[in-house]
Amino acid sequence: MAKGTLADLVETLNAEKAAANQTAFQDINDDAQVLLEYAQGMTDYLSRINDNQHAINRDLVKSDYLGGEISKSEVAITMLDKYLNKAVVLLEKAQR
């Protein structure tokens, strides 16, 4: 009787552990999805800045505006790198 109870307890604990891992994987997936959406937003932002820079360069207009946009693009690249690095770490954890 005691062995049956112990086996039931072990089975219950293993089922709870499996359920906890599934929840953790879902949380990791959700976090990675959010980070990838942020990264997509940064990529779109960089694309718009790049388009603006090309338009300005075509007109040969050198101004503070271009310098400001270049500075903004550097910040956006840094943020994009941060989001992508976090997403990679989360995905690596999910694969373990």
C-alpha atoms as a PDB file:
ATOM      1  CA  MET A   1       0.000   0.000   0.000  1.00  0.00           C
ATOM      2  CA  ALA A   2       2.801   2.404   0.886  1.00  0.00           C
ATOM      3  CA  LYS A   3       4.674   1.594  -2.315  1.00  0.00           C
ATOM      4  CA  GLY A   4       1.587   2.338  -4.376  1.00  0.00           C
ATOM      5  CA  THR A   5       1.190   5.663  -2.618  1.00  0.00           C
ATOM      6  CA  LEU A   6       4.850   6.542  -3.169  1.00  0.00           C
ATOM      7  CA  ALA A   7       4.605   5.611  -6.840  1.00  0.00           C
ATOM      8  CA  ASP A   8       1.495   7.764  -7.173  1.00  0.00           C
ATOM      9  CA  LEU A   9       3.310  10.653  -5.501  1.00  0.00           C
ATOM     10  CA  VAL A  10       6.301  10.300  -7.843  1.00  0.00           C
ATOM     11  CA  GLU A  11       3.975  10.162 -10.850  1.00  0.00           C
ATOM     12  CA  THR A  12       2.119  13.268  -9.674  1.00  0.00           C
ATOM     13  CA  LEU A  13       5.383  15.139  -9.088  1.00  0.00           C
ATOM     14  CA  ASN A  14       6.668  14.188 -12.535  1.00  0.00           C
ATOM     15  CA  ALA A  15       3.412  15.343 -14.133  1.00  0.00           C
ATOM     16  CA  GLU A  16       3.608  18.668 -12.268  1.00  0.00           C
ATOM     17  CA  LYS A  17       7.240  19.077 -13.318  1.00  0.00           C
ATOM     18  CA  ALA A  18       6.329  18.458 -16.958  1.00  0.00           C
ATOM     19  CA  ALA A  19       3.472  20.960 -16.717  1.00  0.00           C
ATOM     20  CA  ALA A  20       5.799  23.549 -15.148  1.00  0.00           C
ATOM     21  CA  ASN A  21       8.309  23.078 -17.979  1.00  0.00           C
ATOM     22  CA  GLN A  22       5.585  23.563 -20.576  1.00  0.00           C
ATOM     23  CA  THR A  23       4.543  26.799 -18.901  1.00  0.00           C
ATOM     24  CA  ALA A  24       8.159  27.950 -18.784  1.00  0.00           C
ATOM     25  CA  PHE A  25       8.610  27.192 -22.494  1.00  0.00           C
ATOM     26  CA  GLN A  26       5.444  29.154 -23.282  1.00  0.00           C
ATOM     27  CA  ASP A  27       6.701  32.087 -21.205  1.00  0.00           C
ATOM     28  CA  ILE A  28      10.059  31.969 -22.986  1.00  0.00           C
ATOM     29  CA  ASN A  29       8.312  31.810 -26.338  1.00  0.00           C
ATOM     30  CA  ASP A  30       6.127  34.799 -25.432  1.00  0.00           C
ATOM     31  CA  ASP A  31       9.143  36.808 -24.247  1.00  0.00           C
ATOM     32  CA  ALA A  32      11.101  35.918 -27.379  1.00  0.00           C
ATOM     33  CA  GLN A  33       8.125  36.925 -29.541  1.00  0.00           C
ATOM     34  CA  VAL A  34       7.915  40.329 -27.833  1.00  0.00           C
ATOM     35  CA  LEU A  35      11.652  40.895 -28.283  1.00  0.00           C
ATOM     36  CA  LEU A  36      11.468  39.920 -31.934  1.00  0.00           C
ATOM     37  CA  GLU A  37       8.557  42.333 -32.427  1.00  0.00           C
ATOM     38  CA  TYR A  38      10.658  45.100 -30.846  1.00  0.00           C
ATOM     39  CA  ALA A  39      13.517  44.125 -33.137  1.00  0.00           C
ATOM     40  CA  GLN A  40      11.195  44.296 -36.153  1.00  0.00           C
ATOM     41  CA  GLY A  41      10.114  47.775 -35.074  1.00  0.00           C
ATOM     42  CA  MET A  42      13.742  48.865 -34.784  1.00  0.00           C
ATOM     43  CA  THR A  43      14.473  47.378 -38.212  1.00  0.00           C
ATOM     44  CA  ASP A  44      11.576  49.327 -39.727  1.00  0.00           C
ATOM     45  CA  TYR A  45      12.787  52.482 -37.987  1.00  0.00           C
ATOM     46  CA  LEU A  46      16.313  51.981 -39.332  1.00  0.00           C
ATOM     47  CA  SER A  47      14.922  51.450 -42.810  1.00  0.00           C
ATOM     48  CA  ARG A  48      13.041  54.760 -42.660  1.00  0.00           C
ATOM     49  CA  ILE A  49      16.167  56.561 -41.402  1.00  0.00           C
ATOM     50  CA  ASN A  50      18.215  54.975 -44.178  1.00  0.00           C
ATOM     51  CA  ASP A  51      15.666  56.084 -46.776  1.00  0.00           C
ATOM     52  CA  ASN A  52      15.785  59.618 -45.370  1.00  0.00           C
ATOM     53  CA  GLN A  53      19.592  59.642 -45.447  1.00  0.00           C
ATOM     54  CA  HIS A  54      19.643  58.570 -49.082  1.00  0.00           C
ATOM     55  CA  ALA A  55      17.135  61.262 -50.007  1.00  0.00           C
ATOM     56  CA  ILE A  56      19.195  63.901 -48.219  1.00  0.00           C
ATOM     57  CA  ASN A  57      22.435  62.699 -49.806  1.00  0.00           C
ATOM     58  CA  ARG A  58      20.864  62.776 -53.274  1.00  0.00           C
ATOM     59  CA  ASP A  59      20.016  66.430 -52.776  1.00  0.00           C
ATOM     60  CA  LEU A  60      23.527  67.086 -51.403  1.00  0.00           C
ATOM     61  CA  VAL A  61      22.076  68.824 -48.378  1.00  0.00           C
ATOM     62  CA  LYS A  62      24.436  68.569 -45.441  1.00  0.00           C
ATOM     63  CA  SER A  63      22.828  69.745 -42.251  1.00  0.00           C
ATOM     64  CA  ASP A  64      22.396  69.087 -38.574  1.00  0.00           C
ATOM     65  CA  TYR A  65      19.339  67.037 -39.487  1.00  0.00           C
ATOM     66  CA  LEU A  66      21.490  64.366 -41.116  1.00  0.00           C
ATOM     67  CA  GLY A  67      23.806  64.259 -38.114  1.00  0.00           C
ATOM     68  CA  GLY A  68      20.813  63.896 -35.817  1.00  0.00           C
ATOM     69  CA  GLU A  69      19.391  61.072 -37.899  1.00  0.00           C
ATOM     70  CA  ILE A  70      22.740  59.269 -37.934  1.00  0.00           C
ATOM     71  CA  SER A  71      22.885  59.566 -34.152  1.00  0.00           C
ATOM     72  CA  LYS A  72      19.344  58.189 -33.881  1.00  0.00           C
ATOM     73  CA  SER A  73      20.227  55.281 -36.147  1.00  0.00           C
ATOM     74  CA  GLU A  74      23.193  54.398 -33.930  1.00  0.00           C
ATOM     75  CA  VAL A  75      20.885  54.282 -30.908  1.00  0.00           C
ATOM     76  CA  ALA A  76      18.385  52.170 -32.847  1.00  0.00           C
ATOM     77  CA  ILE A  77      21.128  49.741 -33.917  1.00  0.00           C
ATOM     78  CA  THR A  78      22.257  49.383 -30.300  1.00  0.00           C
ATOM     79  CA  MET A  79      18.683  48.702 -29.192  1.00  0.00           C
ATOM     80  CA  LEU A  80      18.155  46.216 -32.021  1.00  0.00           C
ATOM     81  CA  ASP A  81      21.309  44.354 -31.006  1.00  0.00           C
ATOM     82  CA  LYS A  82      20.097  44.227 -27.394  1.00  0.00           C
ATOM     83  CA  TYR A  83      16.660  42.844 -28.360  1.00  0.00           C
ATOM     84  CA  LEU A  84      18.128  40.241 -30.694  1.00  0.00           C
ATOM     85  CA  ASN A  85      20.679  39.117 -28.096  1.00  0.00           C
ATOM     86  CA  LYS A  86      17.903  38.670 -25.511  1.00  0.00           C
ATOM     87  CA  ALA A  87      15.793  36.733 -28.001  1.00  0.00           C
ATOM     88  CA  VAL A  88      18.712  34.426 -28.831  1.00  0.00           C
ATOM     89  CA  VAL A  89      19.385  33.751 -25.136  1.00  0.00           C
ATOM     90  CA  LEU A  90      15.719  32.937 -24.521  1.00  0.00           C
ATOM     91  CA  LEU A  91      15.552  30.642 -27.529  1.00  0.00           C
ATOM     92  CA  GLU A  92      18.735  28.858 -26.428  1.00  0.00           C
ATOM     93  CA  LYS A  93      17.185  28.313 -22.978  1.00  0.00           C
ATOM     94  CA  ALA A  94      14.057  26.930 -24.603  1.00  0.00           C
ATOM     95  CA  GLN A  95      16.112  24.388 -26.556  1.00  0.00           C
ATOM     96  CA  ARG A  96      17.788  22.983 -23.441  1.00  0.00           C
END
